[in-house]
């Protein structure tokens, strides 16, 4: 299935969600509204809200609470992307100018703060204190993961254990929140909510590994994704490859990464030392484990779409 087919069981809900999201974050400030409209017109695939609605359907029934969960997740995710572009000094987001490029860092930080505060306000207004607790924990883990990665990108000293600690925090924690909040919004029981928590954590890690493979796989297409190399990020394909060579070769490759040179040599080094195959193996194992959790739920159109969404996550090209 492609993403449009995956979304079919929740097509109506996604349409309503987009309108509700826009209504939820409008502001009396013309500048804020201008920036928000710019961001919304360039929204990505909205994978996280899809997970909220599909897991709600899997666990019972999609409710008004499911919409609020999806809106809170998307507000938080959008705010963190805006802040990330400031931290990374990035001028582009999904092929378009970033908020940071057009309105500079001060406005970008404040717009991100506005979105976060609006999310908090919506939670309190609707007594969604369970959601608030889950999201607060997720923001904490995301921040810790990003800080650890930022610190390690300076020292260029990261092992596999640290890598997974980082991606569980900065990426997988939000996926876990999506699935937990979806199941809670459907009135699911405690055991199934815990299953969804683990399911999201597994899927989120696989999602990030796929992201980390893009820089190496896209190089073959002539349209390389070089962002990780520019930021000197050591991800799983490189971590594994570095563990297989001498100290001399390791030092040479790390120096290339630190100085952002010979990127083609780094990519070839990873390919020759099995970094891509190893990363794909780990990613597929994570998805296999997440499928085992899905198998414990009754058959439904939502389950079928979630199974296809897992395939999409590990095969997507951007």
Protein backbone atom coordinates (compact mmCIF):
# COMPACT_ATOMS: atom_id res chain seq x y z
CA UNK A 1 0.00 0.00 0.00
CA UNK A 2 1.03 3.59 -0.55
CA UNK A 3 0.33 6.19 2.11
CA UNK A 4 -2.99 7.25 0.58
CA UNK A 5 -4.25 3.66 0.70
CA UNK A 6 -2.99 3.28 4.27
CA UNK A 7 -4.98 6.36 5.29
CA UNK A 8 -8.26 5.15 3.72
CA UNK A 9 -9.85 3.84 6.95
CA UNK A 10 -9.24 7.24 8.57
CA UNK A 11 -9.56 9.53 5.53
CA UNK A 12 -12.54 11.42 6.98
CA UNK A 13 -10.85 11.76 10.35
CA UNK A 14 -7.65 13.12 8.79
CA UNK A 15 -9.65 15.70 6.85
CA UNK A 16 -11.42 16.89 10.01
CA UNK A 17 -8.15 16.78 11.90
CA UNK A 18 -6.48 19.25 9.54
CA UNK A 19 -9.28 21.77 10.03
CA UNK A 20 -9.33 21.28 13.79
CA UNK A 21 -5.54 21.67 13.92
CA UNK A 22 -5.67 24.98 12.07
CA UNK A 23 -8.47 26.26 14.33
CA UNK A 24 -6.53 25.20 17.42
CA UNK A 25 -3.39 27.21 16.69
CA UNK A 26 -4.73 30.42 15.17
CA UNK A 27 -3.64 33.61 16.89
CA UNK A 28 -4.68 37.25 17.11
CA UNK A 29 -1.11 38.11 16.11
CA UNK A 30 -0.86 38.54 12.34
CA UNK A 31 2.80 37.52 12.35
CA UNK A 32 2.11 34.29 14.23
CA UNK A 33 -0.77 33.47 11.89
CA UNK A 34 1.43 34.15 8.85
CA UNK A 35 4.12 31.79 10.11
CA UNK A 36 1.58 29.13 11.15
CA UNK A 37 -0.10 29.24 7.73
CA UNK A 38 3.30 28.89 6.06
CA UNK A 39 4.09 25.85 8.18
CA UNK A 40 0.69 24.20 7.68
CA UNK A 41 0.86 24.57 3.89
CA UNK A 42 4.14 22.67 3.93
CA UNK A 43 3.24 19.97 6.41
CA UNK A 44 4.77 16.58 5.79
CA UNK A 45 3.03 13.21 5.67
CA UNK A 46 1.64 13.61 9.22
CA UNK A 47 2.67 10.08 10.13
CA UNK A 48 2.21 10.67 13.86
CA UNK A 49 -1.48 11.70 13.71
CA UNK A 50 -2.06 8.70 11.44
CA UNK A 51 -0.69 6.49 14.21
CA UNK A 52 -2.99 8.17 16.73
CA UNK A 53 -6.14 7.50 14.70
CA UNK A 54 -5.20 3.98 13.60
CA UNK A 55 -4.28 2.88 17.13
CA UNK A 56 -7.51 4.43 18.42
CA UNK A 57 -9.45 2.38 15.85
CA UNK A 58 -7.42 -0.71 16.68
CA UNK A 59 -8.28 -0.36 20.36
CA UNK A 60 -11.95 0.50 20.05
CA UNK A 61 -13.46 3.64 18.60
CA UNK A 62 -12.13 6.97 17.32
CA UNK A 63 -13.53 9.72 19.54
CA UNK A 64 -13.28 13.49 20.03
CA UNK A 65 -10.50 12.67 22.46
CA UNK A 66 -8.62 11.03 19.56
CA UNK A 67 -8.73 14.31 17.63
CA UNK A 68 -7.34 16.20 20.61
CA UNK A 69 -4.58 13.62 21.01
CA UNK A 70 -3.63 13.94 17.33
CA UNK A 71 -3.68 17.75 17.53
CA UNK A 72 -1.48 17.79 20.64
CA UNK A 73 1.01 15.41 19.05
CA UNK A 74 1.19 17.43 15.84
CA UNK A 75 1.56 20.73 17.71
CA UNK A 76 4.41 19.30 19.76
CA UNK A 77 6.08 17.75 16.71
CA UNK A 78 5.83 20.98 14.70
CA UNK A 79 7.27 23.02 17.58
CA UNK A 80 10.23 20.68 17.95
CA UNK A 81 10.96 20.79 14.20
CA UNK A 82 11.02 24.60 14.28
CA UNK A 83 13.35 24.54 17.28
CA UNK A 84 15.51 21.84 15.64
CA UNK A 85 16.07 24.05 12.60
CA UNK A 86 17.34 26.78 14.92
CA UNK A 87 19.68 24.38 16.75
CA UNK A 88 20.95 22.93 13.46
CA UNK A 89 21.05 26.37 11.78
CA UNK A 90 19.09 24.80 8.94
CA UNK A 91 17.64 26.91 6.14
CA UNK A 92 15.53 24.17 4.59
CA UNK A 93 12.75 21.87 5.74
CA UNK A 94 11.26 19.32 3.30
CA UNK A 95 12.71 21.18 0.33
CA UNK A 96 11.30 24.59 1.34
CA UNK A 97 12.80 27.45 3.29
CA UNK A 98 12.56 26.78 7.03
CA UNK A 99 10.95 29.18 9.49
CA UNK A 100 14.48 29.82 10.72
CA UNK A 101 15.57 30.93 7.24
CA UNK A 102 12.64 33.28 6.66
CA UNK A 103 12.02 34.74 10.11
CA UNK A 104 15.42 34.08 11.79
CA UNK A 105 16.16 32.35 15.07
CA UNK A 106 14.51 34.71 17.57
CA UNK A 107 11.10 34.52 15.92
CA UNK A 108 11.52 30.79 15.28
CA UNK A 109 12.16 30.04 18.95
CA UNK A 110 9.19 32.17 19.99
CA UNK A 111 6.86 30.58 17.42
CA UNK A 112 7.91 27.16 18.70
CA UNK A 113 7.24 28.34 22.25
CA UNK A 114 3.81 29.65 21.19
CA UNK A 115 2.88 26.24 19.78
CA UNK A 116 4.06 24.43 22.90
CA UNK A 117 2.09 26.77 25.15
CA UNK A 118 -1.00 26.39 22.95
CA UNK A 119 -0.73 22.62 23.30
CA UNK A 120 -0.54 22.94 27.08
CA UNK A 121 -3.53 25.28 27.07
CA UNK A 122 -5.64 22.87 25.01
CA UNK A 123 -4.80 20.00 27.38
CA UNK A 124 -5.86 21.98 30.45
CA UNK A 125 -9.02 23.32 28.81
CA UNK A 126 -10.19 19.78 28.01
CA UNK A 127 -8.95 18.11 31.23
CA UNK A 128 -6.64 15.90 29.16
CA UNK A 129 -4.27 15.44 32.08
CA UNK A 130 -3.29 11.91 31.04
CA UNK A 131 -2.22 13.27 27.67
CA UNK A 132 -0.37 16.10 29.35
CA UNK A 133 1.57 13.67 31.52
CA UNK A 134 2.53 11.50 28.56
CA UNK A 135 3.60 14.46 26.45
CA UNK A 136 5.57 16.09 29.28
CA UNK A 137 7.56 12.87 29.67
CA UNK A 138 8.06 12.70 25.90
CA UNK A 139 9.35 16.29 25.67
CA UNK A 140 11.80 15.56 28.49
CA UNK A 141 13.11 12.45 26.73
CA UNK A 142 13.29 14.22 23.36
CA UNK A 143 15.31 17.07 24.87
CA UNK A 144 17.67 14.67 26.64
CA UNK A 145 18.17 12.70 23.42
CA UNK A 146 18.93 15.80 21.36
CA UNK A 147 21.33 17.16 23.98
CA UNK A 148 23.19 13.84 24.16
CA UNK A 149 23.47 13.72 20.37
CA UNK A 150 24.66 17.33 20.22
CA UNK A 151 27.32 16.62 22.82
CA UNK A 152 28.47 13.46 21.07
CA UNK A 153 28.63 15.21 17.69
CA UNK A 154 31.36 17.41 19.13
CA UNK A 155 33.44 14.60 20.61
CA UNK A 156 32.50 12.14 17.82
CA UNK A 157 32.51 9.39 20.42
CA UNK A 158 29.33 7.34 20.34
CA UNK A 159 28.73 3.61 20.70
CA UNK A 160 25.70 1.53 19.80
CA UNK A 161 24.25 1.62 23.31
CA UNK A 162 24.39 5.43 23.36
CA UNK A 163 22.93 5.61 19.85
CA UNK A 164 19.83 3.66 20.89
CA UNK A 165 19.49 5.74 24.04
CA UNK A 166 19.49 8.85 21.82
CA UNK A 167 16.95 7.64 19.27
CA UNK A 168 14.62 6.23 21.92
CA UNK A 169 14.49 9.71 23.39
CA UNK A 170 14.55 12.04 20.41
CA UNK A 171 12.31 10.02 18.04
CA UNK A 172 10.78 6.86 19.49
CA UNK A 173 9.36 8.51 22.62
CA UNK A 174 6.97 10.60 20.50
CA UNK A 175 5.85 7.57 18.47
CA UNK A 176 5.23 5.77 21.74
CA UNK A 177 3.16 8.72 22.94
CA UNK A 178 1.10 8.65 19.70
CA UNK A 179 0.15 5.01 20.19
CA UNK A 180 -0.52 5.33 23.92
CA UNK A 181 -2.70 8.41 23.45
CA UNK A 182 -4.58 6.78 20.57
CA UNK A 183 -5.41 3.74 22.69
CA UNK A 184 -6.33 5.88 25.73
CA UNK A 185 -8.65 8.02 23.60
CA UNK A 186 -10.49 4.85 22.57
CA UNK A 187 -10.99 3.81 26.21
CA UNK A 188 -8.61 0.84 26.00
CA UNK A 189 -7.54 -1.20 29.04
CA UNK A 190 -4.23 -0.87 30.85
CA UNK A 191 -2.64 -3.95 29.26
CA UNK A 192 -3.36 -2.79 25.73
CA UNK A 193 -2.13 0.73 26.49
CA UNK A 194 1.16 -0.80 27.65
CA UNK A 195 1.31 -2.86 24.46
CA UNK A 196 0.82 0.29 22.41
CA UNK A 197 3.53 2.06 24.39
CA UNK A 198 6.04 -0.68 23.50
CA UNK A 199 4.74 -0.88 19.93
CA UNK A 200 5.35 2.82 19.36
CA UNK A 201 8.81 2.65 20.91
CA UNK A 202 9.81 -0.16 18.53
CA UNK A 203 8.34 1.56 15.47
CA UNK A 204 9.96 4.89 16.36
CA UNK A 205 13.41 3.32 16.56
CA UNK A 206 12.93 1.63 13.18
CA UNK A 207 11.73 4.95 11.73
CA UNK A 208 14.91 6.72 12.90
CA UNK A 209 17.22 3.99 11.60
CA UNK A 210 15.57 4.34 8.19
CA UNK A 211 16.15 8.09 8.40
CA UNK A 212 19.79 7.48 9.27
CA UNK A 213 20.24 5.23 6.25
CA UNK A 214 19.08 7.92 3.79
CA UNK A 215 22.45 9.67 3.68
CA UNK A 216 24.13 6.45 2.57
CA UNK A 217 21.41 5.10 0.27
CA UNK A 218 20.47 8.39 -1.41
CA UNK A 219 24.07 8.92 -2.51
CA UNK A 220 23.55 6.26 -5.19
CA UNK A 221 20.69 8.25 -6.75
CA UNK A 222 22.81 11.34 -7.33
CA UNK A 223 20.65 13.28 -4.86
CA UNK A 224 22.50 12.67 -1.60
CA UNK A 225 21.09 13.67 1.78
CA UNK A 226 24.13 15.25 3.41
CA UNK A 227 22.63 16.84 6.49
CA UNK A 228 23.93 14.22 8.94
CA UNK A 229 27.42 14.55 7.47
CA UNK A 230 27.34 18.35 7.71
CA UNK A 231 26.37 18.07 11.37
CA UNK A 232 28.95 15.32 12.01
CA UNK A 233 26.33 12.88 13.28
CA UNK A 234 27.57 9.35 13.87
CA UNK A 235 24.62 7.04 13.25
CA UNK A 236 24.18 3.26 13.36
CA UNK A 237 25.62 2.39 9.91
CA UNK A 238 28.86 4.23 10.74
CA UNK A 239 29.00 3.06 14.37
CA UNK A 240 28.89 -0.57 13.27
CA UNK A 241 31.44 -0.06 10.48
CA UNK A 242 33.88 1.73 12.78
CA UNK A 243 33.72 -1.20 15.21
CA UNK A 244 35.08 -3.49 12.49
CA UNK A 245 38.32 -1.69 11.61
CA UNK A 246 41.67 -0.69 13.09
CA UNK A 247 42.22 2.40 15.24
CA UNK A 248 44.06 4.02 12.32
CA UNK A 249 41.15 3.56 9.88
CA UNK A 250 38.67 4.67 12.53
CA UNK A 251 40.64 7.85 13.17
CA UNK A 252 40.91 8.60 9.44
CA UNK A 253 37.17 8.26 8.87
CA UNK A 254 36.26 10.30 11.96
CA UNK A 255 38.62 13.08 10.86
CA UNK A 256 36.90 13.13 7.45
CA UNK A 257 33.53 13.44 9.17
CA UNK A 258 34.73 16.14 11.57
CA UNK A 259 36.09 18.22 8.70
CA UNK A 260 33.19 17.44 6.36
CA UNK A 261 35.38 16.09 3.59
CA UNK A 262 35.64 12.92 1.48
CA UNK A 263 31.98 12.10 2.09
CA UNK A 264 32.07 9.60 -0.77
CA UNK A 265 34.92 7.79 1.03
CA UNK A 266 32.88 7.61 4.28
CA UNK A 267 29.89 6.20 2.40
CA UNK A 268 32.01 3.63 0.60
CA UNK A 269 33.66 2.70 3.91
CA UNK A 270 30.25 2.01 5.48
CA UNK A 271 29.12 -0.07 2.50
CA UNK A 272 32.30 -2.15 2.49
CA UNK A 273 32.14 -2.85 6.21
CA UNK A 274 28.53 -4.00 6.37
CA UNK A 275 27.06 -0.94 8.07
CA UNK A 276 24.01 -0.75 5.81
CA UNK A 277 23.18 -4.47 6.02
CA UNK A 278 23.58 -4.46 9.79
CA UNK A 279 21.36 -1.41 10.23
CA UNK A 280 18.68 -2.87 7.98
CA UNK A 281 18.79 -6.11 9.97
CA UNK A 282 18.27 -4.26 13.26
CA UNK A 283 15.49 -2.15 11.71
CA UNK A 284 13.69 -5.22 10.37
CA UNK A 285 13.98 -6.99 13.73
CA UNK A 286 12.36 -4.01 15.44
CA UNK A 287 9.49 -4.10 12.94
CA UNK A 288 9.16 -7.88 13.37
CA UNK A 289 8.80 -7.41 17.13
CA UNK A 290 6.22 -4.66 16.61
CA UNK A 291 4.24 -6.97 14.31
CA UNK A 292 4.10 -9.58 17.07
CA UNK A 293 2.37 -6.99 19.26
CA UNK A 294 -0.12 -6.19 16.49
CA UNK A 295 -0.87 -9.89 16.10
CA UNK A 296 -2.36 -9.91 19.61
CA UNK A 297 -5.19 -7.60 18.44
CA UNK A 298 -8.33 -8.68 16.53
CA UNK A 299 -8.39 -8.31 12.76
CA UNK A 300 -9.77 -4.97 11.54
CA UNK A 301 -9.26 -2.42 8.78
CA UNK A 302 -7.17 -0.39 11.23
CA UNK A 303 -4.89 -3.34 11.91
CA UNK A 304 -4.43 -3.94 8.16
CA UNK A 305 -3.44 -0.30 7.68
CA UNK A 306 -1.04 -0.40 10.62
CA UNK A 307 0.63 -3.50 9.19
CA UNK A 308 1.03 -1.70 5.86
CA UNK A 309 2.28 1.42 7.64
CA UNK A 310 5.09 -0.64 9.16
CA UNK A 311 6.13 -1.72 5.65
CA UNK A 312 5.97 1.88 4.48
CA UNK A 313 8.19 3.12 7.33
CA UNK A 314 11.07 0.78 6.51
CA UNK A 315 10.82 1.15 2.73
CA UNK A 316 10.11 4.89 2.33
CA UNK A 317 12.62 6.92 0.36
CA UNK A 318 12.27 10.20 2.27
